[in-house]
Protein backbone atom coordinates (compact mmCIF):
# COMPACT_ATOMS: atom_id res chain seq x y z
CA MET A 1 85.21 86.55 103.92
CA SER A 2 82.14 84.35 104.48
CA PRO A 3 80.29 84.64 107.43
CA ILE A 4 81.19 80.84 108.60
CA ILE A 5 84.82 81.93 108.06
CA LYS A 6 84.44 84.59 110.64
CA LYS A 7 82.67 82.76 113.20
CA LEU A 8 85.40 79.69 113.11
CA ARG A 9 87.75 82.43 113.58
CA HIS A 10 89.60 82.22 117.44
CA PRO A 11 87.88 84.73 119.45
CA LYS A 12 91.47 86.17 121.11
CA GLU A 13 92.72 86.12 117.67
CA GLY A 14 90.86 89.35 116.88
CA LEU A 15 92.05 90.99 120.79
CA TYR A 16 95.67 89.46 120.26
CA GLY A 17 95.52 90.86 116.67
CA GLY A 18 94.23 94.07 117.35
CA ILE A 19 96.63 95.02 120.63
CA ILE A 20 99.42 94.25 118.24
CA ARG A 21 98.34 96.21 115.19
CA VAL A 22 98.22 99.30 117.49
CA PHE A 23 101.35 99.02 119.16
CA GLY A 24 103.04 98.08 115.63
CA CYS A 25 101.24 101.82 114.39
CA LEU A 26 102.38 103.47 117.50
CA PHE A 27 106.07 101.66 117.10
CA TRP A 28 106.43 102.76 113.57
CA ILE A 29 105.06 106.42 114.06
CA PHE A 30 107.57 106.72 117.13
CA ILE A 31 110.63 105.71 114.89
CA LEU A 32 109.36 107.94 111.89
CA LEU A 33 108.82 111.00 114.40
CA PHE A 34 112.13 110.25 116.07
CA ALA A 35 113.91 110.02 112.77
CA ILE A 36 112.44 113.46 111.54
CA ALA A 37 113.34 115.08 114.67
CA GLU A 38 117.09 113.82 114.89
CA ALA A 39 117.36 114.94 111.08
CA LEU A 40 115.78 118.44 111.88
CA SER A 41 117.91 119.07 115.06
CA SER A 42 121.17 118.82 112.90
CA PRO A 43 122.49 121.45 110.44
CA HIS A 44 122.65 118.83 108.17
CA GLY A 45 119.04 117.18 108.48
CA GLY A 46 118.27 117.24 104.87
CA ALA A 47 121.12 114.84 104.31
CA ARG A 48 120.16 112.95 107.14
CA ILE A 49 116.41 112.17 106.01
CA LEU A 50 117.99 111.51 102.75
CA MET A 51 120.05 108.56 104.49
CA ILE A 52 117.16 107.25 106.63
CA LEU A 53 115.05 106.71 103.23
CA LEU A 54 118.08 105.34 101.61
CA TYR A 55 118.49 102.62 104.54
CA PHE A 56 114.35 102.16 104.06
CA VAL A 57 114.84 101.54 100.21
CA LEU A 58 118.00 99.11 100.91
CA GLY A 59 115.99 97.25 103.41
CA LEU A 60 113.07 96.84 100.83
CA VAL A 61 115.73 95.99 98.33
CA PHE A 62 116.95 93.29 100.35
CA THR A 63 113.79 91.70 101.64
CA LEU A 64 112.49 91.27 97.93
CA PHE A 65 115.91 89.87 96.76
CA GLY A 66 115.70 87.39 100.03
CA GLU A 67 112.28 86.50 98.63
CA ALA A 68 113.48 86.13 95.03
CA LEU A 69 115.90 83.62 96.49
CA PHE A 70 113.68 81.73 98.25
CA ARG A 71 111.64 81.41 95.03
CA ALA A 72 114.44 80.49 93.00
CA ARG A 73 114.71 77.64 95.64
CA ALA A 74 111.60 76.37 95.68
CA ILE A 75 111.26 76.62 92.13
CA GLY A 76 114.91 74.95 90.92
CA ASN A 77 115.01 72.15 94.30
CA MET A 78 111.19 71.19 95.05
CA VAL A 79 107.97 70.26 92.80
CA GLU A 80 105.41 72.22 91.89
CA VAL A 81 101.63 70.51 92.03
CA THR A 82 100.01 71.23 88.61
CA PRO A 83 97.37 69.62 86.93
CA ALA A 84 100.51 68.06 84.79
CA GLN A 85 102.19 66.84 88.07
CA PHE A 86 100.47 65.14 91.19
CA PRO A 87 96.87 66.02 89.32
CA ARG A 88 94.80 64.51 92.33
CA ILE A 89 96.43 66.78 95.00
CA HIS A 90 95.84 69.51 92.76
CA GLY A 91 92.27 69.08 92.42
CA GLU A 92 92.47 68.91 96.02
CA ILE A 93 93.95 72.44 96.50
CA THR A 94 92.05 74.19 93.66
CA ASP A 95 88.56 72.73 95.26
CA VAL A 96 89.89 73.46 98.76
CA ALA A 97 90.57 77.30 97.53
CA ARG A 98 87.44 77.65 95.89
CA ALA A 99 85.50 76.52 98.86
CA LEU A 100 87.22 79.06 101.10
CA GLY A 101 86.52 82.23 98.27
CA LEU A 102 89.77 81.85 97.02
CA ALA A 103 89.43 82.84 93.21
CA VAL A 104 93.60 81.15 92.54
CA ALA A 105 94.70 78.41 94.26
CA PRO A 106 97.89 79.02 96.06
CA ARG A 107 101.18 77.76 94.07
CA THR A 108 101.73 74.82 96.15
CA PHE A 109 105.06 72.67 95.97
CA ILE A 110 106.21 69.34 97.80
CA TYR A 111 109.79 68.80 99.20
CA ASN A 112 111.98 66.22 100.73
CA SER A 113 111.82 66.60 104.33
CA HIS A 114 113.39 63.31 105.13
CA GLY A 115 110.49 61.93 107.22
CA VAL A 116 109.74 65.27 108.65
CA THR A 117 105.91 65.59 108.73
CA ASN A 118 104.90 69.15 108.33
CA ALA A 119 103.51 71.76 106.06
CA PHE A 120 103.29 76.49 105.90
CA ALA A 121 102.04 78.86 103.71
CA MET A 122 103.96 82.13 102.55
CA ARG A 123 102.86 85.09 100.78
CA LEU A 124 106.43 86.09 98.59
CA PHE A 125 105.69 89.06 96.46
CA ARG A 126 101.78 89.22 95.58
CA THR A 127 102.00 85.24 95.36
CA ARG A 128 100.35 83.13 97.41
CA TYR A 129 102.04 79.67 98.31
CA VAL A 130 101.68 76.54 100.25
CA PHE A 131 104.39 73.59 100.99
CA LEU A 132 103.58 70.46 101.58
CA THR A 133 106.68 68.19 103.02
CA SER A 134 107.06 64.67 101.28
CA GLY A 135 106.60 62.98 105.10
CA ILE A 136 103.18 64.47 104.91
CA VAL A 137 101.98 63.41 102.00
CA GLU A 138 103.05 60.35 102.39
CA ALA A 139 101.53 59.43 105.89
CA ASP A 140 97.90 60.76 105.47
CA ASP A 141 94.78 60.05 103.64
CA ASP A 142 93.00 61.84 101.30
CA ALA A 143 90.78 63.52 103.91
CA GLN A 144 93.71 64.27 106.19
CA LEU A 145 95.90 65.66 103.13
CA ARG A 146 92.67 67.89 102.06
CA PHE A 147 93.03 69.11 106.31
CA ILE A 148 96.70 70.09 105.94
CA ILE A 149 95.76 71.78 102.78
CA ALA A 150 92.98 73.76 104.03
CA HIS A 151 94.86 74.80 107.33
CA GLU A 152 97.63 76.35 105.28
CA ILE A 153 95.17 78.10 102.54
CA ALA A 154 93.17 79.29 105.59
CA HIS A 155 96.03 81.18 106.80
CA HIS A 156 95.99 83.09 103.23
CA VAL A 157 91.97 83.63 103.28
CA LEU A 158 92.23 84.71 106.96
CA GLY A 159 94.62 87.41 106.06
CA HIS A 160 97.45 86.01 108.36
CA LEU A 161 100.26 86.51 105.58
CA ASN A 162 99.35 89.88 104.21
CA THR A 163 102.41 91.96 104.06
CA ILE A 164 100.61 95.65 105.55
CA GLN A 165 99.39 93.47 108.44
CA ARG A 166 102.91 91.35 108.98
CA PHE A 167 104.53 94.84 108.95
CA LEU A 168 102.47 96.32 111.41
CA ALA A 169 102.54 93.25 113.67
CA ALA A 170 106.03 92.91 113.66
CA PRO A 171 106.96 95.18 116.46
CA GLY A 172 104.53 92.81 118.49
CA ILE A 173 107.77 90.69 118.58
CA PHE A 174 109.03 92.83 121.62
CA VAL A 175 105.69 92.50 123.65
CA PRO A 176 106.73 89.37 125.94
CA PHE A 177 104.25 86.55 125.54
CA LEU A 178 101.81 88.43 123.12
CA TYR A 179 102.99 87.53 119.81
CA PRO A 180 103.15 84.00 120.60
CA ALA A 181 99.69 84.08 121.77
CA TYR A 182 98.30 85.81 118.83
CA SER A 183 100.50 82.99 116.61
CA ARG A 184 98.31 80.65 118.65
CA ALA A 185 95.38 81.71 118.16
CA ARG A 186 95.79 81.75 114.27
CA GLU A 187 96.28 78.23 114.74
CA PHE A 188 93.24 77.46 116.29
CA SER A 189 91.28 79.52 113.78
CA CYS A 190 93.01 77.67 110.58
CA ASP A 191 92.08 74.28 112.13
CA ALA A 192 88.47 75.12 112.48
CA VAL A 193 88.70 76.52 108.87
CA GLY A 194 90.62 73.93 107.64
CA ALA A 195 88.08 70.86 109.41
CA SER A 196 85.22 72.76 107.80
CA VAL A 197 85.66 71.75 104.24
CA ILE A 198 86.20 68.37 104.52
CA PRO A 199 83.27 65.53 104.76
CA ASP A 200 84.16 63.96 108.11
CA PRO A 201 85.92 66.72 110.83
CA GLU A 202 87.13 63.31 112.60
CA LYS A 203 89.72 63.10 109.88
CA ALA A 204 91.07 66.53 111.21
CA LEU A 205 91.46 65.26 114.36
CA THR A 206 93.60 62.14 113.36
CA ALA A 207 95.53 64.45 110.86
CA LEU A 208 96.44 66.56 113.91
CA GLN A 209 97.25 63.66 116.37
CA MET A 210 99.23 62.32 112.77
CA LEU A 211 101.37 65.07 113.35
CA ALA A 212 102.35 63.76 116.64
CA CYS A 213 103.04 60.52 116.06
CA GLY A 214 104.65 60.63 112.39
CA ALA A 215 104.40 56.91 111.92
CA ARG A 216 102.50 55.94 108.61
CA ARG A 217 101.84 52.30 109.20
CA LEU A 218 99.81 53.54 112.37
CA ASN A 219 97.86 56.29 110.44
CA ALA A 220 94.78 53.96 109.73
CA GLN A 221 94.73 53.12 113.67
CA MET A 222 94.02 56.47 115.49
CA ASN A 223 92.16 56.90 118.26
CA SER A 224 91.39 60.81 118.66
CA THR A 225 89.48 60.20 121.81
CA ALA A 226 92.41 58.33 123.37
CA PHE A 227 94.73 61.17 122.12
CA TYR A 228 91.95 64.08 123.41
CA ALA A 229 92.53 62.46 126.70
CA GLN A 230 96.07 62.64 127.01
CA GLU A 231 95.56 66.33 127.66
CA ASP A 232 93.94 66.01 130.83
CA HIS A 233 97.72 64.63 132.32
CA VAL A 234 99.44 67.83 130.82
CA PRO A 235 101.49 68.91 133.93
CA GLY A 236 99.47 72.12 134.63
CA ILE A 237 102.44 74.31 135.46
CA ALA A 238 104.71 72.85 133.33
CA GLY A 239 102.14 72.70 130.07
CA PHE A 240 101.49 76.58 130.91
CA VAL A 241 105.06 77.35 130.99
CA LEU A 242 105.57 75.68 127.75
CA GLU A 243 102.45 76.70 126.25
CA ILE A 244 103.20 80.66 126.52
CA PHE A 245 106.37 80.24 124.78
CA SER A 246 105.18 78.70 121.87
CA SER A 247 103.95 79.63 118.71
CA HIS A 248 101.89 76.91 118.03
CA PRO A 249 99.21 75.25 120.55
CA ARG A 250 99.86 71.50 121.99
CA LEU A 251 98.40 69.12 119.84
CA THR A 252 96.07 67.76 122.23
CA ARG A 253 94.39 71.37 122.83
CA ARG A 254 94.14 71.57 119.05
CA VAL A 255 92.05 68.26 119.15
CA GLN A 256 90.22 69.34 122.00
CA ARG A 257 89.09 72.77 120.32
CA LEU A 258 88.08 70.97 116.96
CA ARG A 259 86.08 68.52 119.15
CA ARG A 260 84.22 71.43 120.71
CA CYS A 261 83.93 72.98 117.05
CA PHE A 262 82.41 70.00 115.48
CA PRO A 263 80.85 67.55 117.96
CA ALA A 264 81.07 64.19 116.69
CA ARG A 265 80.42 60.26 117.97
CA ARG A 266 83.25 59.16 120.12
CA ALA A 267 85.19 55.89 119.33
CA PRO A 268 85.71 53.82 122.28
CA VAL A 269 89.02 54.30 123.81
CA SER A 270 91.31 50.78 123.61
């Protein structure tokens, strides 16, 4: 990972991630010791240990089978972006992956979202994936689409989808407010990393605003400064309560942080 990418990572991501991983390690160690103690306290301890191992193996098998089912659904019902299928978008994906330090670009699929504008990244087995909705591909111009792609690839580059880290972080969902805070910090990180690989970071701001608007005919008229200013009118207490339960920061906050990371000339508010 390059020093520039490390610098763009949100400062609280490391703090929250560290706390979650420590809690996760302690949680799994406690579960392991509790299982061993329970097994050894019984005259049939050996059988209990074998049963625990069997449950673990079954859990792993079901997880892998679930991932295989998702892959089957994606390959059979979505359109994969390849050099032969949407070569321009495939070129953007390859270029962004290379710019962010990935030797192999994630497999990317576009699926019919019935107007929903969204995108997400996954890691299944050892393969990286990015999924784009038809709505987001249709609504964006080239630079905005590049930012969305870069944001999702950044999740892979920053290790957010690493299998071991996900395993360690899983118990963090039991700590009130911690896991959502960690998730929000990761989104801030990916926004900054994604904006770093597009020629005009202003397009990253309008891409985020486009997620809020979702209207193709209005896309070219986006004024990020006006949208930025909406954050000042968010009710304080209600906004705080809404935020602490959310896995993603509100879009006005994401635009504000990108503006701080990539200062630019502001367009006049109309």
